[in-house]
Amino acid sequence: MKITSKKKINAVIGIFCAVFVVLWFSGVLPKLAAKSAAEKYMESQLYGEYYKAEYTEYSPAHDSYFVYFSGGPNPSGEMGTTRHIGVYYRYFPFFVWYDSMYPG
């Protein structure tokens, strides 16, 4: 039985899709997407370039990810403060809904 190139391509695409689905629903890719969305948000904020993303964690109580930044200035100008960014939703984390510097 000879395997044609079309079958090989279909097998590679199928494996790629299966790996993508497993990584997405295991939380690996949404965590990276939340970090990326928070970093883009920080780039657009005042003094955002001074902050560095430390880590990302999922909060089941809020059904969202929180990305923790450190190193930037607070409103009075002191360096070394931390900032937390909340990113909705669990499987599609692209919407920034909370910023600890502006909690209201």
PDB file of N, CA and C in Angstrom:
ATOM      1  N   MET A   1       0.836  -1.170   0.000  1.00  0.00           N
ATOM      2  CA  MET A   1       0.000   0.000   0.000  1.00  0.00           C
ATOM      3  C   MET A   1       0.890   1.247   0.000  1.00  0.00           C
ATOM      4  N   LYS A   2       0.665   2.092  -0.971  1.00  0.00           N
ATOM      5  CA  LYS A   2       1.482   3.284  -1.134  1.00  0.00           C
ATOM      6  C   LYS A   2       0.756   4.498  -0.555  1.00  0.00           C
ATOM      7  N   ILE A   3       1.485   5.272   0.243  1.00  0.00           N
ATOM      8  CA  ILE A   3       0.917   6.483   0.844  1.00  0.00           C
ATOM      9  C   ILE A   3       1.212   7.651  -0.092  1.00  0.00           C
ATOM     10  N   THR A   4       0.158   8.307  -0.510  1.00  0.00           N
ATOM     11  CA  THR A   4       0.337   9.421  -1.432  1.00  0.00           C
ATOM     12  C   THR A   4       0.693  10.692  -0.662  1.00  0.00           C
ATOM     13  N   SER A   5       1.161  11.681  -1.404  1.00  0.00           N
ATOM     14  CA  SER A   5       1.549  12.938  -0.774  1.00  0.00           C
ATOM     15  C   SER A   5       0.321  13.662  -0.217  1.00  0.00           C
ATOM     16  N   LYS A   6      -0.826  13.485  -0.808  1.00  0.00           N
ATOM     17  CA  LYS A   6      -2.047  14.120  -0.299  1.00  0.00           C
ATOM     18  C   LYS A   6      -2.409  13.542   1.067  1.00  0.00           C
ATOM     19  N   LYS A   7      -2.237  12.252   1.251  1.00  0.00           N
ATOM     20  CA  LYS A   7      -2.509  11.631   2.545  1.00  0.00           C
ATOM     21  C   LYS A   7      -1.519  12.113   3.597  1.00  0.00           C
ATOM     22  N   LYS A   8      -0.257  12.301   3.193  1.00  0.00           N
ATOM     23  CA  LYS A   8       0.749  12.811   4.126  1.00  0.00           C
ATOM     24  C   LYS A   8       0.399  14.222   4.575  1.00  0.00           C
ATOM     25  N   ILE A   9      -0.001  15.051   3.626  1.00  0.00           N
ATOM     26  CA  ILE A   9      -0.375  16.429   3.960  1.00  0.00           C
ATOM     27  C   ILE A   9      -1.584  16.439   4.885  1.00  0.00           C
ATOM     28  N   ASN A  10      -2.575  15.621   4.601  1.00  0.00           N
ATOM     29  CA  ASN A  10      -3.754  15.537   5.457  1.00  0.00           C
ATOM     30  C   ASN A  10      -3.396  15.043   6.856  1.00  0.00           C
ATOM     31  N   ALA A  11      -2.473  14.094   6.951  1.00  0.00           N
ATOM     32  CA  ALA A  11      -2.050  13.591   8.253  1.00  0.00           C
ATOM     33  C   ALA A  11      -1.321  14.673   9.050  1.00  0.00           C
ATOM     34  N   VAL A  12      -0.456  15.433   8.390  1.00  0.00           N
ATOM     35  CA  VAL A  12       0.272  16.515   9.068  1.00  0.00           C
ATOM     36  C   VAL A  12      -0.706  17.585   9.534  1.00  0.00           C
ATOM     37  N   ILE A  13      -1.662  17.956   8.700  1.00  0.00           N
ATOM     38  CA  ILE A  13      -2.664  18.954   9.089  1.00  0.00           C
ATOM     39  C   ILE A  13      -3.508  18.443  10.252  1.00  0.00           C
ATOM     40  N   GLY A  14      -3.886  17.186  10.210  1.00  0.00           N
ATOM     41  CA  GLY A  14      -4.660  16.603  11.305  1.00  0.00           C
ATOM     42  C   GLY A  14      -3.895  16.585  12.621  1.00  0.00           C
ATOM     43  N   ILE A  15      -2.625  16.226  12.560  1.00  0.00           N
ATOM     44  CA  ILE A  15      -1.796  16.221  13.768  1.00  0.00           C
ATOM     45  C   ILE A  15      -1.629  17.635  14.303  1.00  0.00           C
ATOM     46  N   PHE A  16      -1.382  18.599  13.408  1.00  0.00           N
ATOM     47  CA  PHE A  16      -1.244  19.990  13.823  1.00  0.00           C
ATOM     48  C   PHE A  16      -2.516  20.497  14.510  1.00  0.00           C
ATOM     49  N   CYS A  17      -3.662  20.204  13.922  1.00  0.00           N
ATOM     50  CA  CYS A  17      -4.934  20.628  14.523  1.00  0.00           C
ATOM     51  C   CYS A  17      -5.157  19.973  15.880  1.00  0.00           C
ATOM     52  N   ALA A  18      -4.833  18.702  16.003  1.00  0.00           N
ATOM     53  CA  ALA A  18      -5.008  18.000  17.274  1.00  0.00           C
ATOM     54  C   ALA A  18      -4.095  18.591  18.355  1.00  0.00           C
ATOM     55  N   VAL A  19      -2.850  18.891  18.013  1.00  0.00           N
ATOM     56  CA  VAL A  19      -1.919  19.494  18.974  1.00  0.00           C
ATOM     57  C   VAL A  19      -2.404  20.881  19.374  1.00  0.00           C
ATOM     58  N   PHE A  20      -2.887  21.661  18.403  1.00  0.00           N
ATOM     59  CA  PHE A  20      -3.411  22.990  18.687  1.00  0.00           C
ATOM     60  C   PHE A  20      -4.591  22.922  19.652  1.00  0.00           C
ATOM     61  N   VAL A  21      -5.523  22.015  19.423  1.00  0.00           N
ATOM     62  CA  VAL A  21      -6.699  21.883  20.298  1.00  0.00           C
ATOM     63  C   VAL A  21      -6.276  21.457  21.697  1.00  0.00           C
ATOM     64  N   VAL A  22      -5.362  20.517  21.805  1.00  0.00           N
ATOM     65  CA  VAL A  22      -4.892  20.071  23.122  1.00  0.00           C
ATOM     66  C   VAL A  22      -4.200  21.205  23.864  1.00  0.00           C
ATOM     67  N   LEU A  23      -3.334  21.956  23.179  1.00  0.00           N
ATOM     68  CA  LEU A  23      -2.652  23.076  23.830  1.00  0.00           C
ATOM     69  C   LEU A  23      -3.625  24.189  24.213  1.00  0.00           C
ATOM     70  N   TRP A  24      -4.647  24.422  23.394  1.00  0.00           N
ATOM     71  CA  TRP A  24      -5.599  25.479  23.702  1.00  0.00           C
ATOM     72  C   TRP A  24      -6.434  25.124  24.920  1.00  0.00           C
ATOM     73  N   PHE A  25      -7.002  23.932  24.955  1.00  0.00           N
ATOM     74  CA  PHE A  25      -7.889  23.566  26.054  1.00  0.00           C
ATOM     75  C   PHE A  25      -7.139  23.126  27.314  1.00  0.00           C
ATOM     76  N   SER A  26      -5.843  22.916  27.215  1.00  0.00           N
ATOM     77  CA  SER A  26      -5.059  22.647  28.419  1.00  0.00           C
ATOM     78  C   SER A  26      -4.645  23.949  29.100  1.00  0.00           C
ATOM     79  N   GLY A  27      -4.805  25.086  28.405  1.00  0.00           N
ATOM     80  CA  GLY A  27      -4.529  26.378  28.991  1.00  0.00           C
ATOM     81  C   GLY A  27      -3.184  26.976  28.623  1.00  0.00           C
ATOM     82  N   VAL A  28      -2.382  26.271  27.853  1.00  0.00           N
ATOM     83  CA  VAL A  28      -1.059  26.777  27.489  1.00  0.00           C
ATOM     84  C   VAL A  28      -1.176  27.972  26.542  1.00  0.00           C
ATOM     85  N   LEU A  29      -1.920  27.825  25.470  1.00  0.00           N
ATOM     86  CA  LEU A  29      -2.059  28.913  24.507  1.00  0.00           C
ATOM     87  C   LEU A  29      -2.900  30.081  25.036  1.00  0.00           C
ATOM     88  N   PRO A  30      -4.003  29.849  25.770  1.00  0.00           N
ATOM     89  CA  PRO A  30      -4.716  31.002  26.336  1.00  0.00           C
ATOM     90  C   PRO A  30      -3.876  31.809  27.309  1.00  0.00           C
ATOM     91  N   LYS A  31      -3.004  31.150  28.051  1.00  0.00           N
ATOM     92  CA  LYS A  31      -2.117  31.863  28.976  1.00  0.00           C
ATOM     93  C   LYS A  31      -1.177  32.782  28.203  1.00  0.00           C
ATOM     94  N   LEU A  32      -0.632  32.295  27.099  1.00  0.00           N
ATOM     95  CA  LEU A  32       0.237  33.116  26.260  1.00  0.00           C
ATOM     96  C   LEU A  32      -0.545  34.253  25.606  1.00  0.00           C
ATOM     97  N   ALA A  33      -1.792  33.979  25.200  1.00  0.00           N
ATOM     98  CA  ALA A  33      -2.613  35.026  24.592  1.00  0.00           C
ATOM     99  C   ALA A  33      -2.960  36.105  25.609  1.00  0.00           C
ATOM    100  N   ALA A  34      -3.243  35.718  26.851  1.00  0.00           N
ATOM    101  CA  ALA A  34      -3.536  36.697  27.901  1.00  0.00           C
ATOM    102  C   ALA A  34      -2.316  37.566  28.178  1.00  0.00           C
ATOM    103  N   LYS A  35      -1.153  36.966  28.237  1.00  0.00           N
ATOM    104  CA  LYS A  35       0.075  37.726  28.469  1.00  0.00           C
ATOM    105  C   LYS A  35       0.323  38.704  27.324  1.00  0.00           C
ATOM    106  N   SER A  36       0.105  38.257  26.111  1.00  0.00           N
ATOM    107  CA  SER A  36       0.301  39.116  24.956  1.00  0.00           C
ATOM    108  C   SER A  36      -0.688  40.277  24.951  1.00  0.00           C
ATOM    109  N   ALA A  37      -1.951  40.013  25.275  1.00  0.00           N
ATOM    110  CA  ALA A  37      -2.963  41.078  25.322  1.00  0.00           C
ATOM    111  C   ALA A  37      -2.626  42.093  26.407  1.00  0.00           C
ATOM    112  N   ALA A  38      -2.164  41.625  27.551  1.00  0.00           N
ATOM    113  CA  ALA A  38      -1.800  42.534  28.645  1.00  0.00           C
ATOM    114  C   ALA A  38      -0.572  43.360  28.283  1.00  0.00           C
ATOM    115  N   GLU A  39       0.398  42.752  27.607  1.00  0.00           N
ATOM    116  CA  GLU A  39       1.582  43.504  27.196  1.00  0.00           C
ATOM    117  C   GLU A  39       1.230  44.578  26.170  1.00  0.00           C
ATOM    118  N   LYS A  40       0.335  44.264  25.242  1.00  0.00           N
ATOM    119  CA  LYS A  40      -0.119  45.270  24.272  1.00  0.00           C
ATOM    120  C   LYS A  40      -0.851  46.400  24.980  1.00  0.00           C
ATOM    121  N   TYR A  41      -1.652  46.063  25.968  1.00  0.00           N
ATOM    122  CA  TYR A  41      -2.356  47.082  26.748  1.00  0.00           C
ATOM    123  C   TYR A  41      -1.352  47.986  27.466  1.00  0.00           C
ATOM    124  N   MET A  42      -0.334  47.391  28.078  1.00  0.00           N
ATOM    125  CA  MET A  42       0.653  48.168  28.818  1.00  0.00           C
ATOM    126  C   MET A  42       1.461  49.088  27.901  1.00  0.00           C
ATOM    127  N   GLU A  43       1.695  48.666  26.666  1.00  0.00           N
ATOM    128  CA  GLU A  43       2.415  49.517  25.718  1.00  0.00           C
ATOM    129  C   GLU A  43       1.668  50.810  25.450  1.00  0.00           C
ATOM    130  N   SER A  44       0.343  50.770  25.523  1.00  0.00           N
ATOM    131  CA  SER A  44      -0.456  51.953  25.227  1.00  0.00           C
ATOM    132  C   SER A  44      -0.673  52.844  26.451  1.00  0.00           C
ATOM    133  N   GLN A  45      -0.224  52.411  27.625  1.00  0.00           N
ATOM    134  CA  GLN A  45      -0.434  53.170  28.854  1.00  0.00           C
ATOM    135  C   GLN A  45       0.752  54.070  29.160  1.00  0.00           C
ATOM    136  N   LEU A  46       0.486  55.093  29.960  1.00  0.00           N
ATOM    137  CA  LEU A  46       1.534  56.006  30.395  1.00  0.00           C
ATOM    138  C   LEU A  46       2.539  55.238  31.247  1.00  0.00           C
ATOM    139  N   TYR A  47       3.803  55.350  30.940  1.00  0.00           N
ATOM    140  CA  TYR A  47       4.904  54.647  31.606  1.00  0.00           C
ATOM    141  C   TYR A  47       4.825  53.126  31.466  1.00  0.00           C
ATOM    142  N   GLY A  48       4.061  52.637  30.530  1.00  0.00           N
ATOM    143  CA  GLY A  48       3.932  51.194  30.338  1.00  0.00           C
ATOM    144  C   GLY A  48       5.204  50.522  29.887  1.00  0.00           C
ATOM    145  N   GLU A  49       6.078  51.284  29.245  1.00  0.00           N
ATOM    146  CA  GLU A  49       7.326  50.682  28.749  1.00  0.00           C
ATOM    147  C   GLU A  49       8.285  50.315  29.866  1.00  0.00           C
ATOM    148  N   TYR A  50       8.049  50.817  31.074  1.00  0.00           N
ATOM    149  CA  TYR A  50       8.923  50.502  32.207  1.00  0.00           C
ATOM    150  C   TYR A  50       8.554  49.191  32.894  1.00  0.00           C
ATOM    151  N   TYR A  51       7.377  48.686  32.630  1.00  0.00           N
ATOM    152  CA  TYR A  51       6.909  47.470  33.302  1.00  0.00           C
ATOM    153  C   TYR A  51       7.330  46.227  32.538  1.00  0.00           C
ATOM    154  N   LYS A  52       7.585  45.155  33.286  1.00  0.00           N
ATOM    155  CA  LYS A  52       7.956  43.871  32.696  1.00  0.00           C
ATOM    156  C   LYS A  52       7.014  42.807  33.246  1.00  0.00           C
ATOM    157  N   ALA A  53       6.466  41.980  32.371  1.00  0.00           N
ATOM    158  CA  ALA A  53       5.561  40.912  32.796  1.00  0.00           C
ATOM    159  C   ALA A  53       6.338  39.863  33.579  1.00  0.00           C
ATOM    160  N   GLU A  54       5.871  39.575  34.789  1.00  0.00           N
ATOM    161  CA  GLU A  54       6.534  38.586  35.637  1.00  0.00           C
ATOM    162  C   GLU A  54       5.913  37.199  35.470  1.00  0.00           C
ATOM    163  N   TYR A  55       4.609  37.093  35.676  1.00  0.00           N
ATOM    164  CA  TYR A  55       3.956  35.798  35.504  1.00  0.00           C
ATOM    165  C   TYR A  55       2.469  35.991  35.255  1.00  0.00           C
ATOM    166  N   THR A  56       1.832  34.913  34.797  1.00  0.00           N
ATOM    167  CA  THR A  56       0.409  34.908  34.462  1.00  0.00           C
ATOM    168  C   THR A  56      -0.238  33.751  35.194  1.00  0.00           C
ATOM    169  N   GLU A  57      -1.428  34.005  35.748  1.00  0.00           N
ATOM    170  CA  GLU A  57      -2.156  32.917  36.398  1.00  0.00           C
ATOM    171  C   GLU A  57      -3.642  33.046  36.113  1.00  0.00           C
ATOM    172  N   TYR A  58      -4.314  31.904  36.128  1.00  0.00           N
ATOM    173  CA  TYR A  58      -5.753  31.875  35.909  1.00  0.00           C
ATOM    174  C   TYR A  58      -6.471  31.946  37.248  1.00  0.00           C
ATOM    175  N   SER A  59      -7.502  32.782  37.339  1.00  0.00           N
ATOM    176  CA  SER A  59      -8.302  32.909  38.550  1.00  0.00           C
ATOM    177  C   SER A  59      -9.693  32.349  38.282  1.00  0.00           C
ATOM    178  N   PRO A  60     -10.024  31.180  38.849  1.00  0.00           N
ATOM    179  CA  PRO A  60     -11.358  30.631  38.619  1.00  0.00           C
ATOM    180  C   PRO A  60     -12.461  31.481  39.247  1.00  0.00           C
ATOM    181  N   ALA A  61     -12.145  32.238  40.296  1.00  0.00           N
ATOM    182  CA  ALA A  61     -13.156  33.092  40.922  1.00  0.00           C
ATOM    183  C   ALA A  61     -13.606  34.209  39.983  1.00  0.00           C
ATOM    184  N   HIS A  62     -12.693  34.679  39.150  1.00  0.00           N
ATOM    185  CA  HIS A  62     -13.012  35.752  38.209  1.00  0.00           C
ATOM    186  C   HIS A  62     -13.206  35.244  36.784  1.00  0.00           C
ATOM    187  N   ASP A  63     -12.929  33.980  36.553  1.00  0.00           N
ATOM    188  CA  ASP A  63     -12.981  33.360  35.233  1.00  0.00           C
ATOM    189  C   ASP A  63     -12.142  34.154  34.228  1.00  0.00           C
ATOM    190  N   SER A  64     -10.955  34.538  34.665  1.00  0.00           N
ATOM    191  CA  SER A  64     -10.066  35.311  33.804  1.00  0.00           C
ATOM    192  C   SER A  64      -8.619  35.101  34.233  1.00  0.00           C
ATOM    193  N   TYR A  65      -7.733  35.618  33.427  1.00  0.00           N
ATOM    194  CA  TYR A  65      -6.306  35.553  33.720  1.00  0.00           C
ATOM    195  C   TYR A  65      -5.857  36.876  34.318  1.00  0.00           C
ATOM    196  N   PHE A  66      -4.864  36.811  35.206  1.00  0.00           N
ATOM    197  CA  PHE A  66      -4.221  37.992  35.741  1.00  0.00           C
ATOM    198  C   PHE A  66      -2.748  37.939  35.373  1.00  0.00           C
ATOM    199  N   VAL A  67      -2.270  39.022  34.787  1.00  0.00           N
ATOM    200  CA  VAL A  67      -0.865  39.140  34.408  1.00  0.00           C
ATOM    201  C   VAL A  67      -0.247  40.149  35.363  1.00  0.00           C
ATOM    202  N   TYR A  68       0.838  39.760  35.997  1.00  0.00           N
ATOM    203  CA  TYR A  68       1.498  40.588  37.002  1.00  0.00           C
ATOM    204  C   TYR A  68       2.748  41.230  36.403  1.00  0.00           C
ATOM    205  N   PHE A  69       2.813  42.546  36.506  1.00  0.00           N
ATOM    206  CA  PHE A  69       3.935  43.326  35.996  1.00  0.00           C
ATOM    207  C   PHE A  69       4.676  43.950  37.166  1.00  0.00           C
ATOM    208  N   SER A  70       5.959  44.229  36.984  1.00  0.00           N
ATOM    209  CA  SER A  70       6.721  44.914  38.021  1.00  0.00           C
ATOM    210  C   SER A  70       7.733  45.853  37.376  1.00  0.00           C
ATOM    211  N   GLY A  71       8.218  46.791  38.186  1.00  0.00           N
ATOM    212  CA  GLY A  71       9.303  47.644  37.764  1.00  0.00           C
ATOM    213  C   GLY A  71       8.950  49.041  37.355  1.00  0.00           C
ATOM    214  N   GLY A  72       7.697  49.358  37.182  1.00  0.00           N
ATOM    215  CA  GLY A  72       7.332  50.679  36.697  1.00  0.00           C
ATOM    216  C   GLY A  72       7.052  51.670  37.803  1.00  0.00           C
ATOM    217  N   PRO A  73       6.833  52.924  37.430  1.00  0.00           N
ATOM    218  CA  PRO A  73       6.560  53.955  38.424  1.00  0.00           C
ATOM    219  C   PRO A  73       5.088  53.979  38.829  1.00  0.00           C
ATOM    220  N   ASN A  74       4.821  54.402  40.059  1.00  0.00           N
ATOM    221  CA  ASN A  74       3.442  54.609  40.494  1.00  0.00           C
ATOM    222  C   ASN A  74       3.053  56.054  40.153  1.00  0.00           C
ATOM    223  N   PRO A  75       1.813  56.465  40.426  1.00  0.00           N
ATOM    224  CA  PRO A  75       1.404  57.827  40.049  1.00  0.00           C
ATOM    225  C   PRO A  75       2.259  58.940  40.661  1.00  0.00           C
ATOM    226  N   SER A  76       2.901  58.686  41.805  1.00  0.00           N
ATOM    227  CA  SER A  76       3.757  59.723  42.388  1.00  0.00           C
ATOM    228  C   SER A  76       5.187  59.689  41.843  1.00  0.00           C
ATOM    229  N   GLY A  77       5.478  58.761  40.925  1.00  0.00           N
ATOM    230  CA  GLY A  77       6.777  58.723  40.262  1.00  0.00           C
ATOM    231  C   GLY A  77       7.794  57.772  40.848  1.00  0.00           C
ATOM    232  N   GLU A  78       7.445  57.036  41.900  1.00  0.00           N
ATOM    233  CA  GLU A  78       8.390  56.096  42.515  1.00  0.00           C
ATOM    234  C   GLU A  78       8.483  54.831  41.672  1.00  0.00           C
ATOM    235  N   MET A  79       9.715  54.402  41.377  1.00  0.00           N
ATOM    236  CA  MET A  79       9.927  53.196  40.576  1.00  0.00           C
ATOM    237  C   MET A  79       9.809  51.946  41.444  1.00  0.00           C
ATOM    238  N   GLY A  80       9.626  50.797  40.790  1.00  0.00           N
ATOM    239  CA  GLY A  80       9.618  49.521  41.488  1.00  0.00           C
ATOM    240  C   GLY A  80       8.257  49.064  41.951  1.00  0.00           C
ATOM    241  N   THR A  81       7.199  49.640  41.443  1.00  0.00           N
ATOM    242  CA  THR A  81       5.863  49.224  41.852  1.00  0.00           C
ATOM    243  C   THR A  81       5.385  48.049  40.996  1.00  0.00           C
ATOM    244  N   THR A  82       4.346  47.410  41.447  1.00  0.00           N
ATOM    245  CA  THR A  82       3.751  46.301  40.707  1.00  0.00           C
ATOM    246  C   THR A  82       2.404  46.738  40.144  1.00  0.00           C
ATOM    247  N   ARG A  83       1.976  46.018  39.133  1.00  0.00           N
ATOM    248  CA  ARG A  83       0.702  46.325  38.488  1.00  0.00           C
ATOM    249  C   ARG A  83       0.094  45.018  38.019  1.00  0.00           C
ATOM    250  N   HIS A  84      -1.214  44.858  38.196  1.00  0.00           N
ATOM    251  CA  HIS A  84      -1.921  43.641  37.831  1.00  0.00           C
ATOM    252  C   HIS A  84      -2.947  43.976  36.760  1.00  0.00           C
ATOM    253  N   ILE A  85      -2.955  43.169  35.710  1.00  0.00           N
ATOM    254  CA  ILE A  85      -3.878  43.372  34.606  1.00  0.00           C
ATOM    255  C   ILE A  85      -4.760  42.137  34.493  1.00  0.00           C
ATOM    256  N   GLY A  86      -6.089  42.341  34.522  1.00  0.00           N
ATOM    257  CA  GLY A  86      -7.033  41.242  34.356  1.00  0.00           C
ATOM    258  C   GLY A  86      -7.471  41.132  32.913  1.00  0.00           C
ATOM    259  N   VAL A  87      -7.450  39.905  32.378  1.00  0.00           N
ATOM    260  CA  VAL A  87      -7.799  39.670  30.975  1.00  0.00           C
ATOM    261  C   VAL A  87      -8.891  38.598  30.919  1.00  0.00           C
ATOM    262  N   TYR A  88     -10.056  38.969  30.364  1.00  0.00           N
ATOM    263  CA  TYR A  88     -11.152  38.027  30.150  1.00  0.00           C
ATOM    264  C   TYR A  88     -10.921  37.278  28.863  1.00  0.00           C
ATOM    265  N   TYR A  89     -11.427  36.244  28.593  1.00  0.00           N
ATOM    266  CA  TYR A  89     -12.140  35.157  29.216  1.00  0.00           C
ATOM    267  C   TYR A  89     -11.240  33.960  29.294  1.00  0.00           C
ATOM    268  N   ARG A  90     -11.723  32.876  29.830  1.00  0.00           N
ATOM    269  CA  ARG A  90     -10.838  31.732  30.047  1.00  0.00           C
ATOM    270  C   ARG A  90     -10.258  31.176  28.745  1.00  0.00           C
ATOM    271  N   TYR A  91     -11.099  30.926  27.760  1.00  0.00           N
ATOM    272  CA  TYR A  91     -10.602  30.308  26.533  1.00  0.00           C
ATOM    273  C   TYR A  91     -10.338  31.308  25.407  1.00  0.00           C
ATOM    274  N   PHE A  92     -10.790  32.550  25.560  1.00  0.00           N
ATOM    275  CA  PHE A  92     -10.508  33.594  24.575  1.00  0.00           C
ATOM    276  C   PHE A  92     -10.062  34.855  25.299  1.00  0.00           C
ATOM    277  N   PRO A  93      -8.865  34.838  25.889  1.00  0.00           N
ATOM    278  CA  PRO A  93      -8.419  35.948  26.739  1.00  0.00           C
ATOM    279  C   PRO A  93      -7.806  37.111  25.945  1.00  0.00           C
ATOM    280  N   PHE A  94      -8.674  37.962  25.421  1.00  0.00           N
ATOM    281  CA  PHE A  94      -8.190  39.070  24.624  1.00  0.00           C
ATOM    282  C   PHE A  94      -8.712  40.424  25.105  1.00  0.00           C
ATOM    283  N   PHE A  95      -9.598  40.451  26.095  1.00  0.00           N
ATOM    284  CA  PHE A  95     -10.235  41.677  26.558  1.00  0.00           C
ATOM    285  C   PHE A  95      -9.694  42.063  27.931  1.00  0.00           C
ATOM    286  N   VAL A  96      -9.012  43.186  28.020  1.00  0.00           N
ATOM    287  CA  VAL A  96      -8.493  43.672  29.302  1.00  0.00           C
ATOM    288  C   VAL A  96      -9.641  44.342  30.048  1.00  0.00           C
ATOM    289  N   TRP A  97      -9.937  43.838  31.227  1.00  0.00           N
ATOM    290  CA  TRP A  97     -11.066  44.381  31.993  1.00  0.00           C
ATOM    291  C   TRP A  97     -10.644  45.018  33.321  1.00  0.00           C
ATOM    292  N   TYR A  98      -9.423  44.813  33.755  1.00  0.00           N
ATOM    293  CA  TYR A  98      -9.000  45.343  35.050  1.00  0.00           C
ATOM    294  C   TYR A  98      -7.548  45.778  34.991  1.00  0.00           C
ATOM    295  N   ASP A  99      -7.295  46.942  35.606  1.00  0.00           N
ATOM    296  CA  ASP A  99      -5.942  47.457  35.748  1.00  0.00           C
ATOM    297  C   ASP A  99      -5.823  47.940  37.185  1.00  0.00           C
ATOM    298  N   SER A 100      -4.866  47.410  37.939  1.00  0.00           N
ATOM    299  CA  SER A 100      -4.745  47.751  39.348  1.00  0.00           C
ATOM    300  C   SER A 100      -4.374  49.216  39.577  1.00  0.00           C
ATOM    301  N   MET A 101      -3.814  49.866  38.584  1.00  0.00           N
ATOM    302  CA  MET A 101      -3.499  51.279  38.744  1.00  0.00           C
ATOM    303  C   MET A 101      -4.763  52.138  38.657  1.00  0.00           C
ATOM    304  N   TYR A 102      -5.752  51.648  37.909  1.00  0.00           N
ATOM    305  CA  TYR A 102      -7.032  52.337  37.741  1.00  0.00           C
ATOM    306  C   TYR A 102      -8.173  51.388  38.076  1.00  0.00           C
ATOM    307  N   PRO A 103      -8.359  51.042  39.360  1.00  0.00           N
ATOM    308  CA  PRO A 103      -9.326  50.002  39.718  1.00  0.00           C
ATOM    309  C   PRO A 103     -10.779  50.385  39.512  1.00  0.00           C
ATOM    310  N   GLY A 104     -11.103  51.623  39.379  1.00  0.00           N
ATOM    311  CA  GLY A 104     -12.495  52.064  39.288  1.00  0.00           C
ATOM    312  C   GLY A 104     -13.008  51.881  37.941  1.00  0.00           C
TER     313      GLY A 104
END
